[in-house]
PDB file of N, CA and C in Angstrom:
ATOM      1  N   MET A   1      33.249 -16.775  35.560  1.00  0.00           N
ATOM      2  CA  MET A   1      33.786 -15.608  34.954  1.00  0.00           C
ATOM      3  C   MET A   1      34.291 -14.670  36.052  1.00  0.00           C
ATOM      4  N   SER A   2      35.530 -14.225  35.954  1.00  0.00           N
ATOM      5  CA  SER A   2      36.113 -13.376  36.987  1.00  0.00           C
ATOM      6  C   SER A   2      36.161 -11.929  36.509  1.00  0.00           C
ATOM      7  N   ASP A   3      36.046 -11.059  37.462  1.00  0.00           N
ATOM      8  CA  ASP A   3      36.082  -9.630  37.174  1.00  0.00           C
ATOM      9  C   ASP A   3      37.521  -9.149  37.359  1.00  0.00           C
ATOM     10  N   ALA A   4      38.137  -8.566  36.336  1.00  0.00           N
ATOM     11  CA  ALA A   4      39.531  -8.123  36.397  1.00  0.00           C
ATOM     12  C   ALA A   4      39.724  -6.972  37.381  1.00  0.00           C
ATOM     13  N   ARG A   5      38.667  -6.248  37.725  1.00  0.00           N
ATOM     14  CA  ARG A   5      38.794  -5.121  38.650  1.00  0.00           C
ATOM     15  C   ARG A   5      38.774  -5.562  40.113  1.00  0.00           C
ATOM     16  N   ARG A   6      38.351  -6.775  40.374  1.00  0.00           N
ATOM     17  CA  ARG A   6      38.200  -7.246  41.746  1.00  0.00           C
ATOM     18  C   ARG A   6      39.507  -7.185  42.553  1.00  0.00           C
ATOM     19  N   PRO A   7      40.669  -7.638  42.025  1.00  0.00           N
ATOM     20  CA  PRO A   7      41.910  -7.545  42.816  1.00  0.00           C
ATOM     21  C   PRO A   7      42.277  -6.092  43.162  1.00  0.00           C
ATOM     22  N   TRP A   8      42.021  -5.146  42.247  1.00  0.00           N
ATOM     23  CA  TRP A   8      42.322  -3.740  42.526  1.00  0.00           C
ATOM     24  C   TRP A   8      41.399  -3.195  43.611  1.00  0.00           C
ATOM     25  N   GLY A   9      40.173  -3.617  43.601  1.00  0.00           N
ATOM     26  CA  GLY A   9      39.230  -3.192  44.636  1.00  0.00           C
ATOM     27  C   GLY A   9      39.639  -3.712  46.003  1.00  0.00           C
ATOM     28  N   ARG A  10      40.078  -4.975  46.048  1.00  0.00           N
ATOM     29  CA  ARG A  10      40.550  -5.554  47.316  1.00  0.00           C
ATOM     30  C   ARG A  10      41.789  -4.820  47.815  1.00  0.00           C
ATOM     31  N   LEU A  11      42.715  -4.513  46.897  1.00  0.00           N
ATOM     32  CA  LEU A  11      43.918  -3.783  47.267  1.00  0.00           C
ATOM     33  C   LEU A  11      43.551  -2.399  47.810  1.00  0.00           C
ATOM     34  N   PHE A  12      42.613  -1.732  47.166  1.00  0.00           N
ATOM     35  CA  PHE A  12      42.170  -0.408  47.614  1.00  0.00           C
ATOM     36  C   PHE A  12      41.640  -0.473  49.050  1.00  0.00           C
ATOM     37  N   TYR A  13      40.787  -1.452  49.342  1.00  0.00           N
ATOM     38  CA  TYR A  13      40.214  -1.568  50.683  1.00  0.00           C
ATOM     39  C   TYR A  13      41.259  -2.005  51.705  1.00  0.00           C
ATOM     40  N   LEU A  14      42.231  -2.786  51.305  1.00  0.00           N
ATOM     41  CA  LEU A  14      43.320  -3.178  52.207  1.00  0.00           C
ATOM     42  C   LEU A  14      44.137  -1.942  52.587  1.00  0.00           C
ATOM     43  N   VAL A  15      44.519  -1.142  51.600  1.00  0.00           N
ATOM     44  CA  VAL A  15      45.288   0.076  51.865  1.00  0.00           C
ATOM     45  C   VAL A  15      44.476   1.037  52.721  1.00  0.00           C
ATOM     46  N   LEU A  16      43.208   1.192  52.422  1.00  0.00           N
ATOM     47  CA  LEU A  16      42.340   2.070  53.200  1.00  0.00           C
ATOM     48  C   LEU A  16      42.257   1.607  54.661  1.00  0.00           C
ATOM     49  N   SER A  17      42.149   0.310  54.872  1.00  0.00           N
ATOM     50  CA  SER A  17      42.077  -0.239  56.237  1.00  0.00           C
ATOM     51  C   SER A  17      43.370   0.007  56.994  1.00  0.00           C
ATOM     52  N   VAL A  18      44.502  -0.210  56.342  1.00  0.00           N
ATOM     53  CA  VAL A  18      45.800   0.010  56.991  1.00  0.00           C
ATOM     54  C   VAL A  18      45.952   1.481  57.366  1.00  0.00           C
ATOM     55  N   LEU A  19      45.593   2.384  56.468  1.00  0.00           N
ATOM     56  CA  LEU A  19      45.691   3.815  56.766  1.00  0.00           C
ATOM     57  C   LEU A  19      44.786   4.197  57.934  1.00  0.00           C
ATOM     58  N   ALA A  20      43.611   3.628  58.003  1.00  0.00           N
ATOM     59  CA  ALA A  20      42.687   3.918  59.103  1.00  0.00           C
ATOM     60  C   ALA A  20      43.271   3.441  60.432  1.00  0.00           C
ATOM     61  N   LEU A  21      43.877   2.260  60.448  1.00  0.00           N
ATOM     62  CA  LEU A  21      44.473   1.738  61.677  1.00  0.00           C
ATOM     63  C   LEU A  21      45.663   2.570  62.115  1.00  0.00           C
ATOM     64  N   VAL A  22      46.500   2.967  61.172  1.00  0.00           N
ATOM     65  CA  VAL A  22      47.662   3.798  61.506  1.00  0.00           C
ATOM     66  C   VAL A  22      47.197   5.153  62.030  1.00  0.00           C
ATOM     67  N   GLY A  23      46.211   5.737  61.390  1.00  0.00           N
ATOM     68  CA  GLY A  23      45.678   7.019  61.842  1.00  0.00           C
ATOM     69  C   GLY A  23      45.089   6.926  63.232  1.00  0.00           C
ATOM     70  N   ALA A  24      44.399   5.845  63.518  1.00  0.00           N
ATOM     71  CA  ALA A  24      43.796   5.663  64.841  1.00  0.00           C
ATOM     72  C   ALA A  24      44.874   5.505  65.903  1.00  0.00           C
ATOM     73  N   SER A  25      45.947   4.790  65.591  1.00  0.00           N
ATOM     74  CA  SER A  25      47.000   4.600  66.587  1.00  0.00           C
ATOM     75  C   SER A  25      47.767   5.880  66.834  1.00  0.00           C
ATOM     76  N   LEU A  26      47.916   6.737  65.828  1.00  0.00           N
ATOM     77  CA  LEU A  26      48.605   8.005  66.007  1.00  0.00           C
ATOM     78  C   LEU A  26      47.768   8.989  66.803  1.00  0.00           C
ATOM     79  N   GLY A  27      46.471   8.868  66.737  1.00  0.00           N
ATOM     80  CA  GLY A  27      45.589   9.794  67.411  1.00  0.00           C
ATOM     81  C   GLY A  27      45.261   9.419  68.850  1.00  0.00           C
ATOM     82  N   GLN A  28      45.849   8.350  69.360  1.00  0.00           N
ATOM     83  CA  GLN A  28      45.542   7.924  70.710  1.00  0.00           C
ATOM     84  C   GLN A  28      46.119   8.897  71.727  1.00  0.00           C
ATOM     85  N   THR A  29      45.370   9.127  72.782  1.00  0.00           N
ATOM     86  CA  THR A  29      45.860   9.982  73.850  1.00  0.00           C
ATOM     87  C   THR A  29      46.713   9.147  74.799  1.00  0.00           C
ATOM     88  N   PRO A  30      47.737   9.763  75.380  1.00  0.00           N
ATOM     89  CA  PRO A  30      48.594   9.033  76.315  1.00  0.00           C
ATOM     90  C   PRO A  30      47.815   8.551  77.537  1.00  0.00           C
ATOM     91  N   THR A  31      48.276   7.479  78.107  1.00  0.00           N
ATOM     92  CA  THR A  31      47.682   6.929  79.320  1.00  0.00           C
ATOM     93  C   THR A  31      47.934   7.867  80.489  1.00  0.00           C
ATOM     94  N   THR A  32      46.946   8.020  81.341  1.00  0.00           N
ATOM     95  CA  THR A  32      47.105   8.876  82.519  1.00  0.00           C
ATOM     96  C   THR A  32      47.177   8.046  83.790  1.00  0.00           C
ATOM     97  N   SER A  33      47.726   8.656  84.820  1.00  0.00           N
ATOM     98  CA  SER A  33      47.746   8.065  86.159  1.00  0.00           C
ATOM     99  C   SER A  33      46.953   8.984  87.065  1.00  0.00           C
ATOM    100  N   THR A  34      46.170   8.410  87.954  1.00  0.00           N
ATOM    101  CA  THR A  34      45.380   9.219  88.876  1.00  0.00           C
ATOM    102  C   THR A  34      46.171   9.469  90.153  1.00  0.00           C
ATOM    103  N   ILE A  35      46.318  10.736  90.486  1.00  0.00           N
ATOM    104  CA  ILE A  35      46.981  11.142  91.723  1.00  0.00           C
ATOM    105  C   ILE A  35      45.883  11.388  92.741  1.00  0.00           C
ATOM    106  N   SER A  36      45.906  10.647  93.842  1.00  0.00           N
ATOM    107  CA  SER A  36      44.911  10.810  94.913  1.00  0.00           C
ATOM    108  C   SER A  36      45.651  11.007  96.228  1.00  0.00           C
ATOM    109  N   ASP A  37      45.279  12.044  96.956  1.00  0.00           N
ATOM    110  CA  ASP A  37      45.963  12.330  98.214  1.00  0.00           C
ATOM    111  C   ASP A  37      45.112  13.296  99.029  1.00  0.00           C
ATOM    112  N   VAL A  38      45.584  13.603 100.212  1.00  0.00           N
ATOM    113  CA  VAL A  38      44.968  14.620 101.063  1.00  0.00           C
ATOM    114  C   VAL A  38      46.008  15.721 101.203  1.00  0.00           C
ATOM    115  N   VAL A  39      45.596  16.964 100.972  1.00  0.00           N
ATOM    116  CA  VAL A  39      46.508  18.107 101.011  1.00  0.00           C
ATOM    117  C   VAL A  39      46.313  18.861 102.327  1.00  0.00           C
ATOM    118  N   TYR A  40      47.451  19.158 102.968  1.00  0.00           N
ATOM    119  CA  TYR A  40      47.443  19.885 104.234  1.00  0.00           C
ATOM    120  C   TYR A  40      48.139  21.227 104.072  1.00  0.00           C
ATOM    121  N   ARG A  41      47.756  22.175 104.894  1.00  0.00           N
ATOM    122  CA  ARG A  41      48.445  23.465 104.953  1.00  0.00           C
ATOM    123  C   ARG A  41      49.716  23.294 105.790  1.00  0.00           C
ATOM    124  N   ALA A  42      50.573  24.312 105.763  1.00  0.00           N
ATOM    125  CA  ALA A  42      51.831  24.258 106.515  1.00  0.00           C
ATOM    126  C   ALA A  42      51.592  24.087 108.017  1.00  0.00           C
ATOM    127  N   ASP A  43      50.459  24.574 108.519  1.00  0.00           N
ATOM    128  CA  ASP A  43      50.184  24.457 109.957  1.00  0.00           C
ATOM    129  C   ASP A  43      49.531  23.125 110.326  1.00  0.00           C
ATOM    130  N   GLY A  44      49.359  22.233 109.352  1.00  0.00           N
ATOM    131  CA  GLY A  44      48.817  20.903 109.627  1.00  0.00           C
ATOM    132  C   GLY A  44      47.316  20.784 109.463  1.00  0.00           C
ATOM    133  N   THR A  45      46.628  21.888 109.190  1.00  0.00           N
ATOM    134  CA  THR A  45      45.181  21.810 108.971  1.00  0.00           C
ATOM    135  C   THR A  45      44.901  21.392 107.533  1.00  0.00           C
ATOM    136  N   LEU A  46      43.720  20.841 107.321  1.00  0.00           N
ATOM    137  CA  LEU A  46      43.339  20.406 105.979  1.00  0.00           C
ATOM    138  C   LEU A  46      43.207  21.604 105.046  1.00  0.00           C
ATOM    139  N   ALA A  47      43.722  21.443 103.833  1.00  0.00           N
ATOM    140  CA  ALA A  47      43.689  22.530 102.851  1.00  0.00           C
ATOM    141  C   ALA A  47      42.357  22.548 102.118  1.00  0.00           C
ATOM    142  N   GLY A  48      42.060  23.677 101.552  1.00  0.00           N
ATOM    143  CA  GLY A  48      40.897  23.850 100.698  1.00  0.00           C
ATOM    144  C   GLY A  48      41.281  24.814  99.604  1.00  0.00           C
ATOM    145  N   GLY A  49      40.554  24.815  98.537  1.00  0.00           N
ATOM    146  CA  GLY A  49      40.862  25.760  97.465  1.00  0.00           C
ATOM    147  C   GLY A  49      41.090  25.057  96.146  1.00  0.00           C
ATOM    148  N   THR A  50      41.879  25.704  95.297  1.00  0.00           N
ATOM    149  CA  THR A  50      42.093  25.222  93.938  1.00  0.00           C
ATOM    150  C   THR A  50      43.583  25.086  93.645  1.00  0.00           C
ATOM    151  N   LEU A  51      43.969  23.963  93.081  1.00  0.00           N
ATOM    152  CA  LEU A  51      45.349  23.754  92.628  1.00  0.00           C
ATOM    153  C   LEU A  51      45.431  24.130  91.164  1.00  0.00           C
ATOM    154  N   LEU A  52      46.493  24.834  90.791  1.00  0.00           N
ATOM    155  CA  LEU A  52      46.757  25.160  89.395  1.00  0.00           C
ATOM    156  C   LEU A  52      47.986  24.365  88.986  1.00  0.00           C
ATOM    157  N   ILE A  53      47.804  23.433  88.057  1.00  0.00           N
ATOM    158  CA  ILE A  53      48.879  22.536  87.622  1.00  0.00           C
ATOM    159  C   ILE A  53      49.209  22.868  86.174  1.00  0.00           C
ATOM    160  N   SER A  54      50.495  23.026  85.869  1.00  0.00           N
ATOM    161  CA  SER A  54      50.900  23.286  84.481  1.00  0.00           C
ATOM    162  C   SER A  54      52.113  22.428  84.146  1.00  0.00           C
ATOM    163  N   TRP A  55      52.299  22.182  82.847  1.00  0.00           N
ATOM    164  CA  TRP A  55      53.424  21.371  82.389  1.00  0.00           C
ATOM    165  C   TRP A  55      53.870  21.851  81.013  1.00  0.00           C
ATOM    166  N   PRO A  56      55.177  21.671  80.711  1.00  0.00           N
ATOM    167  CA  PRO A  56      55.690  22.020  79.384  1.00  0.00           C
ATOM    168  C   PRO A  56      55.423  20.884  78.396  1.00  0.00           C
ATOM    169  N   THR A  57      55.632  21.131  77.106  1.00  0.00           N
ATOM    170  CA  THR A  57      55.513  20.082  76.092  1.00  0.00           C
ATOM    171  C   THR A  57      56.566  19.015  76.359  1.00  0.00           C
ATOM    172  N   PHE A  58      56.170  17.734  76.249  1.00  0.00           N
ATOM    173  CA  PHE A  58      57.136  16.653  76.398  1.00  0.00           C
ATOM    174  C   PHE A  58      56.656  15.417  75.663  1.00  0.00           C
ATOM    175  N   SER A  59      57.549  14.457  75.505  1.00  0.00           N
ATOM    176  CA  SER A  59      57.207  13.153  74.938  1.00  0.00           C
ATOM    177  C   SER A  59      57.312  12.126  76.048  1.00  0.00           C
ATOM    178  N   THR A  60      56.326  11.237  76.133  1.00  0.00           N
ATOM    179  CA  THR A  60      56.331  10.211  77.167  1.00  0.00           C
ATOM    180  C   THR A  60      57.440   9.201  76.893  1.00  0.00           C
ATOM    181  N   SER A  61      57.649   8.305  77.837  1.00  0.00           N
ATOM    182  CA  SER A  61      58.676   7.275  77.661  1.00  0.00           C
ATOM    183  C   SER A  61      58.337   6.340  76.502  1.00  0.00           C
ATOM    184  N   THR A  62      57.060   6.310  76.072  1.00  0.00           N
ATOM    185  CA  THR A  62      56.658   5.476  74.930  1.00  0.00           C
ATOM    186  C   THR A  62      56.641   6.270  73.626  1.00  0.00           C
ATOM    187  N   GLY A  63      57.071   7.551  73.692  1.00  0.00           N
ATOM    188  CA  GLY A  63      57.174   8.359  72.483  1.00  0.00           C
ATOM    189  C   GLY A  63      55.933   9.143  72.108  1.00  0.00           C
ATOM    190  N   GLN A  64      54.901   9.114  72.945  1.00  0.00           N
ATOM    191  CA  GLN A  64      53.694   9.882  72.644  1.00  0.00           C
ATOM    192  C   GLN A  64      53.902  11.339  73.040  1.00  0.00           C
ATOM    193  N   SER A  65      53.464  12.234  72.188  1.00  0.00           N
ATOM    194  CA  SER A  65      53.641  13.663  72.418  1.00  0.00           C
ATOM    195  C   SER A  65      52.541  14.204  73.326  1.00  0.00           C
ATOM    196  N   VAL A  66      52.941  15.040  74.278  1.00  0.00           N
ATOM    197  CA  VAL A  66      51.994  15.695  75.180  1.00  0.00           C
ATOM    198  C   VAL A  66      52.208  17.197  75.036  1.00  0.00           C
ATOM    199  N   ALA A  67      51.170  17.900  74.654  1.00  0.00           N
ATOM    200  CA  ALA A  67      51.259  19.347  74.483  1.00  0.00           C
ATOM    201  C   ALA A  67      51.339  20.035  75.839  1.00  0.00           C
ATOM    202  N   ALA A  68      51.959  21.199  75.859  1.00  0.00           N
ATOM    203  CA  ALA A  68      51.979  21.999  77.083  1.00  0.00           C
ATOM    204  C   ALA A  68      50.542  22.283  77.491  1.00  0.00           C
ATOM    205  N   GLY A  69      50.318  22.350  78.775  1.00  0.00           N
ATOM    206  CA  GLY A  69      48.954  22.594  79.207  1.00  0.00           C
ATOM    207  C   GLY A  69      48.873  22.985  80.658  1.00  0.00           C
ATOM    208  N   LYS A  70      47.654  23.167  81.106  1.00  0.00           N
ATOM    209  CA  LYS A  70      47.416  23.490  82.502  1.00  0.00           C
ATOM    210  C   LYS A  70      46.057  22.938  82.899  1.00  0.00           C
ATOM    211  N   LYS A  71      45.925  22.706  84.181  1.00  0.00           N
ATOM    212  CA  LYS A  71      44.691  22.134  84.706  1.00  0.00           C
ATOM    213  C   LYS A  71      44.407  22.790  86.045  1.00  0.00           C
ATOM    214  N   SER A  72      43.154  23.082  86.291  1.00  0.00           N
ATOM    215  CA  SER A  72      42.702  23.655  87.546  1.00  0.00           C
ATOM    216  C   SER A  72      41.891  22.583  88.273  1.00  0.00           C
ATOM    217  N   VAL A  73      42.293  22.273  89.504  1.00  0.00           N
ATOM    218  CA  VAL A  73      41.628  21.215  90.259  1.00  0.00           C
ATOM    219  C   VAL A  73      41.198  21.755  91.614  1.00  0.00           C
ATOM    220  N   THR A  74      39.916  21.660  91.897  1.00  0.00           N
ATOM    221  CA  THR A  74      39.395  22.087  93.194  1.00  0.00           C
ATOM    222  C   THR A  74      39.525  20.936  94.185  1.00  0.00           C
ATOM    223  N   LEU A  75      40.097  21.242  95.347  1.00  0.00           N
ATOM    224  CA  LEU A  75      40.227  20.220  96.387  1.00  0.00           C
ATOM    225  C   LEU A  75      38.847  19.867  96.918  1.00  0.00           C
ATOM    226  N   GLY A  76      38.656  18.592  97.193  1.00  0.00           N
ATOM    227  CA  GLY A  76      37.379  18.123  97.710  1.00  0.00           C
ATOM    228  C   GLY A  76      37.281  18.328  99.211  1.00  0.00           C
ATOM    229  N   PRO A  77      36.193  17.831  99.798  1.00  0.00           N
ATOM    230  CA  PRO A  77      36.016  17.944 101.249  1.00  0.00           C
ATOM    231  C   PRO A  77      37.185  17.282 101.977  1.00  0.00           C
ATOM    232  N   GLY A  78      37.638  17.909 103.043  1.00  0.00           N
ATOM    233  CA  GLY A  78      38.734  17.333 103.824  1.00  0.00           C
ATOM    234  C   GLY A  78      40.069  17.389 103.100  1.00  0.00           C
ATOM    235  N   GLY A  79      40.235  18.311 102.138  1.00  0.00           N
ATOM    236  CA  GLY A  79      41.508  18.469 101.441  1.00  0.00           C
ATOM    237  C   GLY A  79      41.825  17.381 100.434  1.00  0.00           C
ATOM    238  N   THR A  80      40.824  16.609 100.025  1.00  0.00           N
ATOM    239  CA  THR A  80      41.086  15.496  99.106  1.00  0.00           C
ATOM    240  C   THR A  80      41.403  15.994  97.700  1.00  0.00           C
ATOM    241  N   LEU A  81      42.389  15.348  97.115  1.00  0.00           N
ATOM    242  CA  LEU A  81      42.836  15.661  95.765  1.00  0.00           C
ATOM    243  C   LEU A  81      42.729  14.408  94.919  1.00  0.00           C
ATOM    244  N   SER A  82      42.177  14.548  93.727  1.00  0.00           N
ATOM    245  CA  SER A  82      42.143  13.461  92.751  1.00  0.00           C
ATOM    246  C   SER A  82      42.237  14.097  91.369  1.00  0.00           C
ATOM    247  N   VAL A  83      43.334  13.785  90.662  1.00  0.00           N
ATOM    248  CA  VAL A  83      43.560  14.365  89.344  1.00  0.00           C
ATOM    249  C   VAL A  83      44.292  13.349  88.465  1.00  0.00           C
ATOM    250  N   ALA A  84      43.897  13.285  87.194  1.00  0.00           N
ATOM    251  CA  ALA A  84      44.533  12.383  86.236  1.00  0.00           C
ATOM    252  C   ALA A  84      45.558  13.175  85.428  1.00  0.00           C
ATOM    253  N   LEU A  85      46.811  12.713  85.437  1.00  0.00           N
ATOM    254  CA  LEU A  85      47.889  13.365  84.703  1.00  0.00           C
ATOM    255  C   LEU A  85      48.682  12.329  83.915  1.00  0.00           C
ATOM    256  N   VAL A  86      49.340  12.764  82.851  1.00  0.00           N
ATOM    257  CA  VAL A  86      50.202  11.878  82.071  1.00  0.00           C
ATOM    258  C   VAL A  86      51.531  11.759  82.809  1.00  0.00           C
ATOM    259  N   PRO A  87      51.992  10.533  83.104  1.00  0.00           N
ATOM    260  CA  PRO A  87      53.267  10.365  83.799  1.00  0.00           C
ATOM    261  C   PRO A  87      54.419  10.953  82.986  1.00  0.00           C
ATOM    262  N   ASN A  88      55.370  11.615  83.680  1.00  0.00           N
ATOM    263  CA  ASN A  88      56.517  12.173  82.981  1.00  0.00           C
ATOM    264  C   ASN A  88      57.820  11.450  83.324  1.00  0.00           C
ATOM    265  N   THR A  89      57.721  10.285  83.951  1.00  0.00           N
ATOM    266  CA  THR A  89      58.908   9.479  84.212  1.00  0.00           C
ATOM    267  C   THR A  89      59.474   9.005  82.881  1.00  0.00           C
ATOM    268  N   GLY A  90      60.740   9.268  82.640  1.00  0.00           N
ATOM    269  CA  GLY A  90      61.365   8.877  81.385  1.00  0.00           C
ATOM    270  C   GLY A  90      61.010   9.776  80.220  1.00  0.00           C
ATOM    271  N   ALA A  91      60.433  10.940  80.515  1.00  0.00           N
ATOM    272  CA  ALA A  91      59.998  11.859  79.459  1.00  0.00           C
ATOM    273  C   ALA A  91      61.189  12.519  78.785  1.00  0.00           C
ATOM    274  N   SER A  92      60.917  13.035  77.593  1.00  0.00           N
ATOM    275  CA  SER A  92      61.935  13.781  76.862  1.00  0.00           C
ATOM    276  C   SER A  92      61.314  15.111  76.427  1.00  0.00           C
ATOM    277  N   PRO A  93      61.879  16.258  76.760  1.00  0.00           N
ATOM    278  CA  PRO A  93      63.076  16.422  77.586  1.00  0.00           C
ATOM    279  C   PRO A  93      62.799  15.940  79.010  1.00  0.00           C
ATOM    280  N   ALA A  94      63.883  15.729  79.747  1.00  0.00           N
ATOM    281  CA  ALA A  94      63.766  15.182  81.096  1.00  0.00           C
ATOM    282  C   ALA A  94      62.778  16.002  81.923  1.00  0.00           C
ATOM    283  N   ALA A  95      62.009  15.309  82.735  1.00  0.00           N
ATOM    284  CA  ALA A  95      60.981  15.965  83.550  1.00  0.00           C
ATOM    285  C   ALA A  95      61.619  16.953  84.516  1.00  0.00           C
ATOM    286  N   PRO A  96      61.080  18.163  84.574  1.00  0.00           N
ATOM    287  CA  PRO A  96      61.617  19.135  85.535  1.00  0.00           C
ATOM    288  C   PRO A  96      61.254  18.718  86.951  1.00  0.00           C
ATOM    289  N   SER A  97      61.991  19.219  87.906  1.00  0.00           N
ATOM    290  CA  SER A  97      61.663  18.913  89.289  1.00  0.00           C
ATOM    291  C   SER A  97      60.333  19.573  89.633  1.00  0.00           C
ATOM    292  N   THR A  98      59.658  19.029  90.601  1.00  0.00           N
ATOM    293  CA  THR A  98      58.370  19.571  91.013  1.00  0.00           C
ATOM    294  C   THR A  98      58.578  20.913  91.687  1.00  0.00           C
ATOM    295  N   GLN A  99      57.769  21.861  91.327  1.00  0.00           N
ATOM    296  CA  GLN A  99      57.846  23.186  91.933  1.00  0.00           C
ATOM    297  C   GLN A  99      56.503  23.500  92.575  1.00  0.00           C
ATOM    298  N   TRP A 100      56.538  23.928  93.789  1.00  0.00           N
ATOM    299  CA  TRP A 100      55.312  24.286  94.490  1.00  0.00           C
ATOM    300  C   TRP A 100      55.269  25.793  94.664  1.00  0.00           C
ATOM    301  N   CYS A 101      54.216  26.400  94.261  1.00  0.00           N
ATOM    302  CA  CYS A 101      53.990  27.832  94.469  1.00  0.00           C
ATOM    303  C   CYS A 101      52.666  27.962  95.190  1.00  0.00           C
ATOM    304  N   THR A 102      52.672  28.728  96.249  1.00  0.00           N
ATOM    305  CA  THR A 102      51.451  28.923  97.003  1.00  0.00           C
ATOM    306  C   THR A 102      51.036  30.380  96.917  1.00  0.00           C
ATOM    307  N   SER A 103      49.798  30.609  96.609  1.00  0.00           N
ATOM    308  CA  SER A 103      49.269  31.983  96.630  1.00  0.00           C
ATOM    309  C   SER A 103      47.864  31.936  97.201  1.00  0.00           C
ATOM    310  N   TRP A 104      47.452  32.994  97.799  1.00  0.00           N
ATOM    311  CA  TRP A 104      46.116  33.059  98.361  1.00  0.00           C
ATOM    312  C   TRP A 104      45.635  34.489  98.357  1.00  0.00           C
ATOM    313  N   THR A 105      44.352  34.635  98.510  1.00  0.00           N
ATOM    314  CA  THR A 105      43.730  35.950  98.585  1.00  0.00           C
ATOM    315  C   THR A 105      43.088  36.100  99.951  1.00  0.00           C
ATOM    316  N   MET A 106      43.352  37.228 100.588  1.00  0.00           N
ATOM    317  CA  MET A 106      42.769  37.486 101.897  1.00  0.00           C
ATOM    318  C   MET A 106      41.726  38.575 101.757  1.00  0.00           C
ATOM    319  N   GLU A 107      40.560  38.346 102.308  1.00  0.00           N
ATOM    320  CA  GLU A 107      39.505  39.354 102.287  1.00  0.00           C
ATOM    321  C   GLU A 107      39.659  40.267 103.474  1.00  0.00           C
ATOM    322  N   GLN A 108      39.276  41.531 103.316  1.00  0.00           N
ATOM    323  CA  GLN A 108      39.363  42.501 104.414  1.00  0.00           C
ATOM    324  C   GLN A 108      38.141  42.438 105.283  1.00  0.00           C
TER     325      GLN A 108
END
């Protein structure tokens, strides 16, 4: 004896599963690349302090949306830098050129 509701129940769970998979794929965060380097001052000495990194809203080359944001990164011992950022190669709108701004505070 077969239950007439069984095919509708299977269809319901199939649709629910597909929606869950689509939702999970839309909610994925973009892949990041780790930038690792040593930062020097203009006079050639090792830098210390905090980098302030900001970016505008953009879409990656794979179409994933990245919201505008900013990140504060403290340089490690010996001027070491390690930070994970979303690559903007092939981004839309086109990636702006890198801009460096230096500021510091001097104590009296």
